[in-house]
Amino acid sequence: MNTYFFILLISVTIASFSQILLKKSSQRTYSSVIFEYLNPYVICGYGMMFLSMFLTILAYGGMEFTNVQIVEATGYIMVLVLSYFFFHEKITKRKLVGMLLIFGGIAVYHL
């Protein structure tokens, strides 16, 4: 494994936490439309998303694209697990089948 692989993995992790922050913000009510977009959750979430995109571009510069799909797919798993812990969402059979289909598509792509 090279450094770029770990940079991409960190990028996917940051993006997953960013999605959790944005979802957390959407579950609150605000006094005005402006505060819906100018609150700490949204500002931090979009800042993290920007950092994630920057790291992804950096990582793409030094990686072979055969490994990119596998690392990017881990983001779906991270969001599923983080939603379980932060929002107490159930991990249903349907969600697990969706994960299997994602990884099945990656496996077919790599054949």
PDB file of N, CA and C in Angstrom:
ATOM      1  N   MET A   1       0.837  -1.184   0.000  1.00  0.00           N
ATOM      2  CA  MET A   1       0.000   0.000   0.000  1.00  0.00           C
ATOM      3  C   MET A   1       0.884   1.251   0.000  1.00  0.00           C
ATOM      4  N   ASN A   2       0.471   2.202  -0.766  1.00  0.00           N
ATOM      5  CA  ASN A   2       1.262   3.421  -0.809  1.00  0.00           C
ATOM      6  C   ASN A   2       0.563   4.566  -0.077  1.00  0.00           C
ATOM      7  N   THR A   3       1.219   5.668   0.000  1.00  0.00           N
ATOM      8  CA  THR A   3       0.709   6.830   0.726  1.00  0.00           C
ATOM      9  C   THR A   3      -0.584   7.350   0.128  1.00  0.00           C
ATOM     10  N   TYR A   4      -0.703   7.309  -1.185  1.00  0.00           N
ATOM     11  CA  TYR A   4      -1.893   7.831  -1.842  1.00  0.00           C
ATOM     12  C   TYR A   4      -3.140   7.029  -1.486  1.00  0.00           C
ATOM     13  N   PHE A   5      -2.966   5.739  -1.275  1.00  0.00           N
ATOM     14  CA  PHE A   5      -4.078   4.897  -0.854  1.00  0.00           C
ATOM     15  C   PHE A   5      -4.609   5.369   0.495  1.00  0.00           C
ATOM     16  N   PHE A   6      -3.718   5.658   1.433  1.00  0.00           N
ATOM     17  CA  PHE A   6      -4.129   6.114   2.756  1.00  0.00           C
ATOM     18  C   PHE A   6      -4.724   7.515   2.711  1.00  0.00           C
ATOM     19  N   ILE A   7      -4.222   8.356   1.824  1.00  0.00           N
ATOM     20  CA  ILE A   7      -4.810   9.694   1.661  1.00  0.00           C
ATOM     21  C   ILE A   7      -6.253   9.564   1.171  1.00  0.00           C
ATOM     22  N   LEU A   8      -6.480   8.674   0.229  1.00  0.00           N
ATOM     23  CA  LEU A   8      -7.838   8.466  -0.278  1.00  0.00           C
ATOM     24  C   LEU A   8      -8.731   7.878   0.805  1.00  0.00           C
ATOM     25  N   LEU A   9      -8.220   6.977   1.600  1.00  0.00           N
ATOM     26  CA  LEU A   9      -9.002   6.394   2.689  1.00  0.00           C
ATOM     27  C   LEU A   9      -9.377   7.466   3.724  1.00  0.00           C
ATOM     28  N   ILE A  10      -8.449   8.351   4.035  1.00  0.00           N
ATOM     29  CA  ILE A  10      -8.741   9.462   4.947  1.00  0.00           C
ATOM     30  C   ILE A  10      -9.787  10.385   4.326  1.00  0.00           C
ATOM     31  N   SER A  11      -9.682  10.624   3.035  1.00  0.00           N
ATOM     32  CA  SER A  11     -10.640  11.465   2.334  1.00  0.00           C
ATOM     33  C   SER A  11     -12.050  10.892   2.407  1.00  0.00           C
ATOM     34  N   VAL A  12     -12.178   9.596   2.201  1.00  0.00           N
ATOM     35  CA  VAL A  12     -13.489   8.943   2.268  1.00  0.00           C
ATOM     36  C   VAL A  12     -14.047   9.014   3.689  1.00  0.00           C
ATOM     37  N   THR A  13     -13.196   8.862   4.677  1.00  0.00           N
ATOM     38  CA  THR A  13     -13.631   8.948   6.070  1.00  0.00           C
ATOM     39  C   THR A  13     -14.124  10.351   6.396  1.00  0.00           C
ATOM     40  N   ILE A  14     -13.398  11.356   5.957  1.00  0.00           N
ATOM     41  CA  ILE A  14     -13.810  12.742   6.190  1.00  0.00           C
ATOM     42  C   ILE A  14     -15.141  13.023   5.502  1.00  0.00           C
ATOM     43  N   ALA A  15     -15.309  12.539   4.277  1.00  0.00           N
ATOM     44  CA  ALA A  15     -16.567  12.739   3.548  1.00  0.00           C
ATOM     45  C   ALA A  15     -17.735  12.063   4.262  1.00  0.00           C
ATOM     46  N   SER A  16     -17.492  10.903   4.843  1.00  0.00           N
ATOM     47  CA  SER A  16     -18.557  10.195   5.568  1.00  0.00           C
ATOM     48  C   SER A  16     -18.993  10.981   6.800  1.00  0.00           C
ATOM     49  N   PHE A  17     -18.035  11.495   7.547  1.00  0.00           N
ATOM     50  CA  PHE A  17     -18.391  12.307   8.709  1.00  0.00           C
ATOM     51  C   PHE A  17     -19.062  13.611   8.286  1.00  0.00           C
ATOM     52  N   SER A  18     -18.676  14.134   7.147  1.00  0.00           N
ATOM     53  CA  SER A  18     -19.307  15.338   6.624  1.00  0.00           C
ATOM     54  C   SER A  18     -20.786  15.088   6.339  1.00  0.00           C
ATOM     55  N   GLN A  19     -21.094  13.952   5.764  1.00  0.00           N
ATOM     56  CA  GLN A  19     -22.494  13.613   5.479  1.00  0.00           C
ATOM     57  C   GLN A  19     -23.305  13.479   6.761  1.00  0.00           C
ATOM     58  N   ILE A  20     -22.678  12.942   7.797  1.00  0.00           N
ATOM     59  CA  ILE A  20     -23.368  12.805   9.081  1.00  0.00           C
ATOM     60  C   ILE A  20     -23.674  14.188   9.663  1.00  0.00           C
ATOM     61  N   LEU A  21     -22.718  15.109   9.587  1.00  0.00           N
ATOM     62  CA  LEU A  21     -22.956  16.468  10.086  1.00  0.00           C
ATOM     63  C   LEU A  21     -24.080  17.155   9.324  1.00  0.00           C
ATOM     64  N   LEU A  22     -24.097  16.998   8.009  1.00  0.00           N
ATOM     65  CA  LEU A  22     -25.140  17.635   7.210  1.00  0.00           C
ATOM     66  C   LEU A  22     -26.513  17.039   7.517  1.00  0.00           C
ATOM     67  N   LYS A  23     -26.558  15.739   7.752  1.00  0.00           N
ATOM     68  CA  LYS A  23     -27.832  15.117   8.113  1.00  0.00           C
ATOM     69  C   LYS A  23     -28.281  15.587   9.492  1.00  0.00           C
ATOM     70  N   LYS A  24     -27.341  15.723  10.406  1.00  0.00           N
ATOM     71  CA  LYS A  24     -27.649  16.216  11.753  1.00  0.00           C
ATOM     72  C   LYS A  24     -28.248  17.621  11.665  1.00  0.00           C
ATOM     73  N   SER A  25     -27.702  18.449  10.789  1.00  0.00           N
ATOM     74  CA  SER A  25     -28.212  19.799  10.616  1.00  0.00           C
ATOM     75  C   SER A  25     -29.620  19.797  10.039  1.00  0.00           C
ATOM     76  N   SER A  26     -29.909  18.877   9.146  1.00  0.00           N
ATOM     77  CA  SER A  26     -31.227  18.849   8.505  1.00  0.00           C
ATOM     78  C   SER A  26     -32.325  18.397   9.456  1.00  0.00           C
ATOM     79  N   GLN A  27     -31.966  17.797  10.559  1.00  0.00           N
ATOM     80  CA  GLN A  27     -32.972  17.327  11.512  1.00  0.00           C
ATOM     81  C   GLN A  27     -33.384  18.401  12.512  1.00  0.00           C
ATOM     82  N   ARG A  28     -32.776  19.548  12.463  1.00  0.00           N
ATOM     83  CA  ARG A  28     -33.106  20.645  13.372  1.00  0.00           C
ATOM     84  C   ARG A  28     -33.972  21.673  12.655  1.00  0.00           C
ATOM     85  N   THR A  29     -34.696  22.443  13.426  1.00  0.00           N
ATOM     86  CA  THR A  29     -35.453  23.558  12.863  1.00  0.00           C
ATOM     87  C   THR A  29     -34.748  24.855  13.228  1.00  0.00           C
ATOM     88  N   TYR A  30     -34.809  25.797  12.325  1.00  0.00           N
ATOM     89  CA  TYR A  30     -34.114  27.064  12.505  1.00  0.00           C
ATOM     90  C   TYR A  30     -35.098  28.211  12.374  1.00  0.00           C
ATOM     91  N   SER A  31     -34.740  29.351  12.945  1.00  0.00           N
ATOM     92  CA  SER A  31     -35.639  30.503  12.969  1.00  0.00           C
ATOM     93  C   SER A  31     -35.789  31.164  11.600  1.00  0.00           C
ATOM     94  N   SER A  32     -34.802  30.999  10.724  1.00  0.00           N
ATOM     95  CA  SER A  32     -34.902  31.578   9.382  1.00  0.00           C
ATOM     96  C   SER A  32     -34.142  30.707   8.392  1.00  0.00           C
ATOM     97  N   VAL A  33     -34.391  30.972   7.122  1.00  0.00           N
ATOM     98  CA  VAL A  33     -33.730  30.212   6.062  1.00  0.00           C
ATOM     99  C   VAL A  33     -32.224  30.442   6.086  1.00  0.00           C
ATOM    100  N   ILE A  34     -31.811  31.619   6.433  1.00  0.00           N
ATOM    101  CA  ILE A  34     -30.380  31.938   6.474  1.00  0.00           C
ATOM    102  C   ILE A  34     -29.663  31.064   7.499  1.00  0.00           C
ATOM    103  N   PHE A  35     -30.290  30.868   8.671  1.00  0.00           N
ATOM    104  CA  PHE A  35     -29.663  30.048   9.706  1.00  0.00           C
ATOM    105  C   PHE A  35     -29.658  28.567   9.358  1.00  0.00           C
ATOM    106  N   GLU A  36     -30.507  28.155   8.402  1.00  0.00           N
ATOM    107  CA  GLU A  36     -30.462  26.765   7.938  1.00  0.00           C
ATOM    108  C   GLU A  36     -29.140  26.474   7.235  1.00  0.00           C
ATOM    109  N   TYR A  37     -28.580  27.493   6.592  1.00  0.00           N
ATOM    110  CA  TYR A  37     -27.345  27.317   5.839  1.00  0.00           C
ATOM    111  C   TYR A  37     -26.124  27.915   6.522  1.00  0.00           C
ATOM    112  N   LEU A  38     -26.334  28.772   7.471  1.00  0.00           N
ATOM    113  CA  LEU A  38     -25.214  29.392   8.184  1.00  0.00           C
ATOM    114  C   LEU A  38     -25.235  28.965   9.656  1.00  0.00           C
ATOM    115  N   ASN A  39     -25.068  27.682   9.867  1.00  0.00           N
ATOM    116  CA  ASN A  39     -24.950  27.169  11.225  1.00  0.00           C
ATOM    117  C   ASN A  39     -23.694  26.309  11.290  1.00  0.00           C
ATOM    118  N   PRO A  40     -23.208  26.024  12.477  1.00  0.00           N
ATOM    119  CA  PRO A  40     -21.930  25.304  12.602  1.00  0.00           C
ATOM    120  C   PRO A  40     -21.905  23.933  11.919  1.00  0.00           C
ATOM    121  N   TYR A  41     -23.025  23.206  11.973  1.00  0.00           N
ATOM    122  CA  TYR A  41     -23.046  21.886  11.333  1.00  0.00           C
ATOM    123  C   TYR A  41     -22.843  21.982   9.823  1.00  0.00           C
ATOM    124  N   VAL A  42     -23.559  22.892   9.195  1.00  0.00           N
ATOM    125  CA  VAL A  42     -23.478  23.022   7.736  1.00  0.00           C
ATOM    126  C   VAL A  42     -22.121  23.577   7.317  1.00  0.00           C
ATOM    127  N   ILE A  43     -21.654  24.594   7.997  1.00  0.00           N
ATOM    128  CA  ILE A  43     -20.366  25.187   7.635  1.00  0.00           C
ATOM    129  C   ILE A  43     -19.244  24.166   7.798  1.00  0.00           C
ATOM    130  N   CYS A  44     -19.254  23.464   8.914  1.00  0.00           N
ATOM    131  CA  CYS A  44     -18.225  22.445   9.155  1.00  0.00           C
ATOM    132  C   CYS A  44     -18.371  21.280   8.174  1.00  0.00           C
ATOM    133  N   GLY A  45     -19.627  20.868   7.900  1.00  0.00           N
ATOM    134  CA  GLY A  45     -19.867  19.764   6.972  1.00  0.00           C
ATOM    135  C   GLY A  45     -19.364  20.072   5.569  1.00  0.00           C
ATOM    136  N   TYR A  46     -19.670  21.261   5.072  1.00  0.00           N
ATOM    137  CA  TYR A  46     -19.191  21.625   3.739  1.00  0.00           C
ATOM    138  C   TYR A  46     -17.685  21.878   3.728  1.00  0.00           C
ATOM    139  N   GLY A  47     -17.155  22.387   4.817  1.00  0.00           N
ATOM    140  CA  GLY A  47     -15.701  22.542   4.910  1.00  0.00           C
ATOM    141  C   GLY A  47     -14.999  21.191   4.846  1.00  0.00           C
ATOM    142  N   MET A  48     -15.554  20.223   5.564  1.00  0.00           N
ATOM    143  CA  MET A  48     -14.986  18.876   5.527  1.00  0.00           C
ATOM    144  C   MET A  48     -15.124  18.256   4.141  1.00  0.00           C
ATOM    145  N   MET A  49     -16.246  18.517   3.471  1.00  0.00           N
ATOM    146  CA  MET A  49     -16.438  17.989   2.118  1.00  0.00           C
ATOM    147  C   MET A  49     -15.414  18.595   1.160  1.00  0.00           C
ATOM    148  N   PHE A  50     -15.142  19.894   1.307  1.00  0.00           N
ATOM    149  CA  PHE A  50     -14.125  20.536   0.488  1.00  0.00           C
ATOM    150  C   PHE A  50     -12.754  19.913   0.741  1.00  0.00           C
ATOM    151  N   LEU A  51     -12.406  19.703   2.003  1.00  0.00           N
ATOM    152  CA  LEU A  51     -11.139  19.057   2.347  1.00  0.00           C
ATOM    153  C   LEU A  51     -11.078  17.652   1.756  1.00  0.00           C
ATOM    154  N   SER A  52     -12.185  16.940   1.823  1.00  0.00           N
ATOM    155  CA  SER A  52     -12.237  15.589   1.260  1.00  0.00           C
ATOM    156  C   SER A  52     -11.991  15.605  -0.248  1.00  0.00           C
ATOM    157  N   MET A  53     -12.616  16.545  -0.941  1.00  0.00           N
ATOM    158  CA  MET A  53     -12.402  16.623  -2.391  1.00  0.00           C
ATOM    159  C   MET A  53     -10.957  16.976  -2.718  1.00  0.00           C
ATOM    160  N   PHE A  54     -10.372  17.876  -1.950  1.00  0.00           N
ATOM    161  CA  PHE A  54      -8.975  18.240  -2.155  1.00  0.00           C
ATOM    162  C   PHE A  54      -8.066  17.022  -1.971  1.00  0.00           C
ATOM    163  N   LEU A  55      -8.289  16.257  -0.895  1.00  0.00           N
ATOM    164  CA  LEU A  55      -7.479  15.062  -0.650  1.00  0.00           C
ATOM    165  C   LEU A  55      -7.700  13.995  -1.719  1.00  0.00           C
ATOM    166  N   THR A  56      -8.931  13.882  -2.195  1.00  0.00           N
ATOM    167  CA  THR A  56      -9.228  12.905  -3.251  1.00  0.00           C
ATOM    168  C   THR A  56      -8.463  13.243  -4.524  1.00  0.00           C
ATOM    169  N   ILE A  57      -8.459  14.495  -4.900  1.00  0.00           N
ATOM    170  CA  ILE A  57      -7.731  14.913  -6.094  1.00  0.00           C
ATOM    171  C   ILE A  57      -6.238  14.655  -5.918  1.00  0.00           C
ATOM    172  N   LEU A  58      -5.723  14.941  -4.740  1.00  0.00           N
ATOM    173  CA  LEU A  58      -4.318  14.669  -4.438  1.00  0.00           C
ATOM    174  C   LEU A  58      -4.013  13.178  -4.559  1.00  0.00           C
ATOM    175  N   ALA A  59      -4.890  12.345  -4.020  1.00  0.00           N
ATOM    176  CA  ALA A  59      -4.676  10.902  -4.052  1.00  0.00           C
ATOM    177  C   ALA A  59      -4.782  10.337  -5.470  1.00  0.00           C
ATOM    178  N   TYR A  60      -5.725  10.849  -6.252  1.00  0.00           N
ATOM    179  CA  TYR A  60      -5.877  10.366  -7.633  1.00  0.00           C
ATOM    180  C   TYR A  60      -4.618  10.591  -8.450  1.00  0.00           C
ATOM    181  N   GLY A  61      -3.867  11.622  -8.119  1.00  0.00           N
ATOM    182  CA  GLY A  61      -2.645  11.929  -8.863  1.00  0.00           C
ATOM    183  C   GLY A  61      -1.576  10.860  -8.738  1.00  0.00           C
ATOM    184  N   GLY A  62      -1.609  10.078  -7.679  1.00  0.00           N
ATOM    185  CA  GLY A  62      -0.558   9.090  -7.484  1.00  0.00           C
ATOM    186  C   GLY A  62      -1.025   7.647  -7.422  1.00  0.00           C
ATOM    187  N   MET A  63      -2.320   7.406  -7.674  1.00  0.00           N
ATOM    188  CA  MET A  63      -2.852   6.042  -7.559  1.00  0.00           C
ATOM    189  C   MET A  63      -3.154   5.439  -8.911  1.00  0.00           C
ATOM    190  N   GLU A  64      -3.143   4.128  -8.924  1.00  0.00           N
ATOM    191  CA  GLU A  64      -3.690   3.410 -10.069  1.00  0.00           C
ATOM    192  C   GLU A  64      -5.192   3.334  -9.861  1.00  0.00           C
ATOM    193  N   PHE A  65      -5.932   3.483 -10.908  1.00  0.00           N
ATOM    194  CA  PHE A  65      -7.380   3.550 -10.768  1.00  0.00           C
ATOM    195  C   PHE A  65      -8.037   2.195 -10.509  1.00  0.00           C
ATOM    196  N   THR A  66      -7.263   1.130 -10.450  1.00  0.00           N
ATOM    197  CA  THR A  66      -7.856  -0.168 -10.133  1.00  0.00           C
ATOM    198  C   THR A  66      -8.254  -0.255  -8.668  1.00  0.00           C
ATOM    199  N   ASN A  67      -7.593   0.505  -7.795  1.00  0.00           N
ATOM    200  CA  ASN A  67      -7.894   0.461  -6.368  1.00  0.00           C
ATOM    201  C   ASN A  67      -8.898   1.517  -5.927  1.00  0.00           C
ATOM    202  N   VAL A  68      -9.159   2.489  -6.750  1.00  0.00           N
ATOM    203  CA  VAL A  68      -9.993   3.620  -6.359  1.00  0.00           C
ATOM    204  C   VAL A  68     -11.415   3.179  -6.031  1.00  0.00           C
ATOM    205  N   GLN A  69     -12.010   2.316  -6.827  1.00  0.00           N
ATOM    206  CA  GLN A  69     -13.395   1.923  -6.615  1.00  0.00           C
ATOM    207  C   GLN A  69     -13.590   1.235  -5.272  1.00  0.00           C
ATOM    208  N   ILE A  70     -12.631   0.442  -4.868  1.00  0.00           N
ATOM    209  CA  ILE A  70     -12.743  -0.277  -3.600  1.00  0.00           C
ATOM    210  C   ILE A  70     -12.724   0.707  -2.435  1.00  0.00           C
ATOM    211  N   VAL A  71     -11.822   1.648  -2.486  1.00  0.00           N
ATOM    212  CA  VAL A  71     -11.717   2.621  -1.394  1.00  0.00           C
ATOM    213  C   VAL A  71     -12.950   3.523  -1.365  1.00  0.00           C
ATOM    214  N   GLU A  72     -13.404   3.978  -2.510  1.00  0.00           N
ATOM    215  CA  GLU A  72     -14.582   4.839  -2.561  1.00  0.00           C
ATOM    216  C   GLU A  72     -15.820   4.115  -2.044  1.00  0.00           C
ATOM    217  N   ALA A  73     -15.930   2.830  -2.281  1.00  0.00           N
ATOM    218  CA  ALA A  73     -17.090   2.064  -1.816  1.00  0.00           C
ATOM    219  C   ALA A  73     -17.107   1.913  -0.304  1.00  0.00           C
ATOM    220  N   THR A  74     -15.961   2.046   0.335  1.00  0.00           N
ATOM    221  CA  THR A  74     -15.950   1.965   1.793  1.00  0.00           C
ATOM    222  C   THR A  74     -16.710   3.131   2.419  1.00  0.00           C
ATOM    223  N   GLY A  75     -16.875   4.216   1.684  1.00  0.00           N
ATOM    224  CA  GLY A  75     -17.652   5.348   2.175  1.00  0.00           C
ATOM    225  C   GLY A  75     -19.089   4.966   2.457  1.00  0.00           C
ATOM    226  N   TYR A  76     -19.674   4.110   1.625  1.00  0.00           N
ATOM    227  CA  TYR A  76     -21.045   3.662   1.851  1.00  0.00           C
ATOM    228  C   TYR A  76     -21.151   2.869   3.149  1.00  0.00           C
ATOM    229  N   ILE A  77     -20.155   2.058   3.406  1.00  0.00           N
ATOM    230  CA  ILE A  77     -20.156   1.279   4.643  1.00  0.00           C
ATOM    231  C   ILE A  77     -19.989   2.202   5.843  1.00  0.00           C
ATOM    232  N   MET A  78     -19.084   3.171   5.726  1.00  0.00           N
ATOM    233  CA  MET A  78     -18.862   4.098   6.837  1.00  0.00           C
ATOM    234  C   MET A  78     -20.124   4.887   7.166  1.00  0.00           C
ATOM    235  N   VAL A  79     -20.821   5.363   6.147  1.00  0.00           N
ATOM    236  CA  VAL A  79     -22.042   6.128   6.383  1.00  0.00           C
ATOM    237  C   VAL A  79     -23.099   5.234   7.035  1.00  0.00           C
ATOM    238  N   LEU A  80     -23.193   3.991   6.608  1.00  0.00           N
ATOM    239  CA  LEU A  80     -24.139   3.056   7.203  1.00  0.00           C
ATOM    240  C   LEU A  80     -23.831   2.837   8.683  1.00  0.00           C
ATOM    241  N   VAL A  81     -22.578   2.613   9.003  1.00  0.00           N
ATOM    242  CA  VAL A  81     -22.173   2.366  10.390  1.00  0.00           C
ATOM    243  C   VAL A  81     -22.317   3.634  11.231  1.00  0.00           C
ATOM    244  N   LEU A  82     -21.902   4.767  10.694  1.00  0.00           N
ATOM    245  CA  LEU A  82     -22.023   6.022  11.441  1.00  0.00           C
ATOM    246  C   LEU A  82     -23.489   6.383  11.686  1.00  0.00           C
ATOM    247  N   SER A  83     -24.355   6.118  10.725  1.00  0.00           N
ATOM    248  CA  SER A  83     -25.783   6.375  10.915  1.00  0.00           C
ATOM    249  C   SER A  83     -26.357   5.477  11.997  1.00  0.00           C
ATOM    250  N   TYR A  84     -25.843   4.278  12.088  1.00  0.00           N
ATOM    251  CA  TYR A  84     -26.278   3.366  13.145  1.00  0.00           C
ATOM    252  C   TYR A  84     -25.913   3.928  14.521  1.00  0.00           C
ATOM    253  N   PHE A  85     -24.701   4.433  14.652  1.00  0.00           N
ATOM    254  CA  PHE A  85     -24.246   4.934  15.947  1.00  0.00           C
ATOM    255  C   PHE A  85     -24.803   6.313  16.297  1.00  0.00           C
ATOM    256  N   PHE A  86     -24.852   7.230  15.327  1.00  0.00           N
ATOM    257  CA  PHE A  86     -25.263   8.592  15.630  1.00  0.00           C
ATOM    258  C   PHE A  86     -26.769   8.813  15.579  1.00  0.00           C
ATOM    259  N   PHE A  87     -27.457   8.084  14.688  1.00  0.00           N
ATOM    260  CA  PHE A  87     -28.892   8.295  14.517  1.00  0.00           C
ATOM    261  C   PHE A  87     -29.732   7.086  14.917  1.00  0.00           C
ATOM    262  N   HIS A  88     -29.068   6.038  15.351  1.00  0.00           N
ATOM    263  CA  HIS A  88     -29.727   4.800  15.763  1.00  0.00           C
ATOM    264  C   HIS A  88     -30.597   4.212  14.652  1.00  0.00           C
ATOM    265  N   GLU A  89     -30.120   4.360  13.412  1.00  0.00           N
ATOM    266  CA  GLU A  89     -30.817   3.763  12.280  1.00  0.00           C
ATOM    267  C   GLU A  89     -30.528   2.268  12.245  1.00  0.00           C
ATOM    268  N   LYS A  90     -31.532   1.518  11.890  1.00  0.00           N
ATOM    269  CA  LYS A  90     -31.364   0.072  11.831  1.00  0.00           C
ATOM    270  C   LYS A  90     -30.647  -0.320  10.548  1.00  0.00           C
ATOM    271  N   ILE A  91     -29.815  -1.334  10.664  1.00  0.00           N
ATOM    272  CA  ILE A  91     -29.165  -1.908   9.488  1.00  0.00           C
ATOM    273  C   ILE A  91     -30.058  -3.060   9.036  1.00  0.00           C
ATOM    274  N   THR A  92     -30.822  -2.804   7.996  1.00  0.00           N
ATOM    275  CA  THR A  92     -31.812  -3.769   7.539  1.00  0.00           C
ATOM    276  C   THR A  92     -31.211  -4.721   6.510  1.00  0.00           C
ATOM    277  N   LYS A  93     -31.960  -5.755   6.215  1.00  0.00           N
ATOM    278  CA  LYS A  93     -31.531  -6.702   5.179  1.00  0.00           C
ATOM    279  C   LYS A  93     -31.416  -5.998   3.834  1.00  0.00           C
ATOM    280  N   ARG A  94     -32.319  -5.071   3.594  1.00  0.00           N
ATOM    281  CA  ARG A  94     -32.302  -4.336   2.327  1.00  0.00           C
ATOM    282  C   ARG A  94     -31.012  -3.521   2.174  1.00  0.00           C
ATOM    283  N   LYS A  95     -30.578  -2.893   3.255  1.00  0.00           N
ATOM    284  CA  LYS A  95     -29.331  -2.121   3.216  1.00  0.00           C
ATOM    285  C   LYS A  95     -28.132  -3.048   3.020  1.00  0.00           C
ATOM    286  N   LEU A  96     -28.158  -4.193   3.670  1.00  0.00           N
ATOM    287  CA  LEU A  96     -27.060  -5.158   3.500  1.00  0.00           C
ATOM    288  C   LEU A  96     -27.019  -5.707   2.077  1.00  0.00           C
ATOM    289  N   VAL A  97     -28.182  -5.957   1.496  1.00  0.00           N
ATOM    290  CA  VAL A  97     -28.220  -6.416   0.108  1.00  0.00           C
ATOM    291  C   VAL A  97     -27.664  -5.339  -0.816  1.00  0.00           C
ATOM    292  N   GLY A  98     -27.991  -4.073  -0.523  1.00  0.00           N
ATOM    293  CA  GLY A  98     -27.435  -2.963  -1.302  1.00  0.00           C
ATOM    294  C   GLY A  98     -25.917  -2.928  -1.225  1.00  0.00           C
ATOM    295  N   MET A  99     -25.375  -3.147  -0.053  1.00  0.00           N
ATOM    296  CA  MET A  99     -23.916  -3.187   0.112  1.00  0.00           C
ATOM    297  C   MET A  99     -23.310  -4.344  -0.680  1.00  0.00           C
ATOM    298  N   LEU A 100     -23.960  -5.489  -0.615  1.00  0.00           N
ATOM    299  CA  LEU A 100     -23.468  -6.644  -1.376  1.00  0.00           C
ATOM    300  C   LEU A 100     -23.503  -6.382  -2.875  1.00  0.00           C
ATOM    301  N   LEU A 101     -24.536  -5.697  -3.338  1.00  0.00           N
ATOM    302  CA  LEU A 101     -24.613  -5.358  -4.768  1.00  0.00           C
ATOM    303  C   LEU A 101     -23.494  -4.392  -5.171  1.00  0.00           C
ATOM    304  N   ILE A 102     -23.189  -3.445  -4.306  1.00  0.00           N
ATOM    305  CA  ILE A 102     -22.094  -2.513  -4.598  1.00  0.00           C
ATOM    306  C   ILE A 102     -20.782  -3.272  -4.734  1.00  0.00           C
ATOM    307  N   PHE A 103     -20.500  -4.139  -3.755  1.00  0.00           N
ATOM    308  CA  PHE A 103     -19.252  -4.886  -3.813  1.00  0.00           C
ATOM    309  C   PHE A 103     -19.266  -5.948  -4.902  1.00  0.00           C
ATOM    310  N   GLY A 104     -20.435  -6.469  -5.233  1.00  0.00           N
ATOM    311  CA  GLY A 104     -20.539  -7.384  -6.367  1.00  0.00           C
ATOM    312  C   GLY A 104     -20.209  -6.679  -7.670  1.00  0.00           C
ATOM    313  N   GLY A 105     -20.670  -5.439  -7.812  1.00  0.00           N
ATOM    314  CA  GLY A 105     -20.353  -4.653  -9.007  1.00  0.00           C
ATOM    315  C   GLY A 105     -18.867  -4.368  -9.109  1.00  0.00           C
ATOM    316  N   ILE A 106     -18.229  -4.111  -7.984  1.00  0.00           N
ATOM    317  CA  ILE A 106     -16.782  -3.887  -7.988  1.00  0.00           C
ATOM    318  C   ILE A 106     -16.059  -5.155  -8.388  1.00  0.00           C
ATOM    319  N   ALA A 107     -16.526  -6.283  -7.870  1.00  0.00           N
ATOM    320  CA  ALA A 107     -15.887  -7.573  -8.194  1.00  0.00           C
ATOM    321  C   ALA A 107     -16.023  -7.865  -9.691  1.00  0.00           C
ATOM    322  N   VAL A 108     -17.198  -7.622 -10.249  1.00  0.00           N
ATOM    323  CA  VAL A 108     -17.391  -7.850 -11.686  1.00  0.00           C
ATOM    324  C   VAL A 108     -16.512  -6.918 -12.500  1.00  0.00           C
ATOM    325  N   TYR A 109     -16.394  -5.677 -12.064  1.00  0.00           N
ATOM    326  CA  TYR A 109     -15.570  -4.697 -12.758  1.00  0.00           C
ATOM    327  C   TYR A 109     -14.106  -5.147 -12.799  1.00  0.00           C
ATOM    328  N   HIS A 110     -13.641  -5.773 -11.731  1.00  0.00           N
ATOM    329  CA  HIS A 110     -12.232  -6.163 -11.643  1.00  0.00           C
ATOM    330  C   HIS A 110     -11.933  -7.486 -12.332  1.00  0.00           C
ATOM    331  N   LEU A 111     -12.926  -8.176 -12.813  1.00  0.00           N
ATOM    332  CA  LEU A 111     -12.670  -9.447 -13.498  1.00  0.00           C
ATOM    333  C   LEU A 111     -12.071  -9.289 -14.852  1.00  0.00           C
TER     334      LEU A 111
END
